[in-house]
């Protein structure tokens, strides 16, 4: 089993923040305009809490089972917990009372279940709608031309509030190509913002991960999800 070095986490945390600040400045914004969310898949709670002690204030889990197994151990007095992975409708009730934001809504069926379970506990859950910007058949997310219709349907749900968009572009080594995907997402984000739809607030554009968060910020991301660059390679032996 791999052991994570806390000194490496501290070094990486500082470096990532410096790169976020640099990219933010290049894009005409300030460091505080960008949310740094740590993707904590396979990372032990004590390591996550160490990062929180350094100033990290947003964490995201990909798997419901893993989130539940670590939930009581997180330092949630100092950090926001979000769900960032693919979410099955039958798992919604297990996490809806535990997370501040669900980033991966990609269908009316899922949105309706989140609304239903939220209303049961007297909550209105903040969500992001996931866009399949690369139109990849093996990825979740709504394709761009179906986004407006889905947003209008979700807007009528009482237990849910759309706060923006999330996207994971195709993996590619070409910086220009990946930047183009991010640019397309920003244009979609701006277009929806201009429509001023009821119950739809475009305040978060979540895109960019360890390999490409710098480029994502340059193209308009307001939130980046960074895992391995902070914690090191994921340990799938657990």
Foldseek 3Di string as FASTA:
>chain_A
DDDFDLVLLLVLLVVVLVLLQVLQVLLVHGSLLAQEEEEQVQNAQVSVQSNLVSPRAHYEYADLVVCVVCVVSHPNVRHFYEYEHDDDLVCLLVPLVPHQEYEEAAALSNLQSSLVSQVVVPAAHEYAAEEALQPDPPDGGHHLVCVVVRVLSSLPRDRYAYAAHEYEYDDDPDLVVVLVSLLVRVVSLVVVCVVPDHSHHHSAYEYEEQVGNSSNSSNPGSYYYYYCSNGNDRDPPD
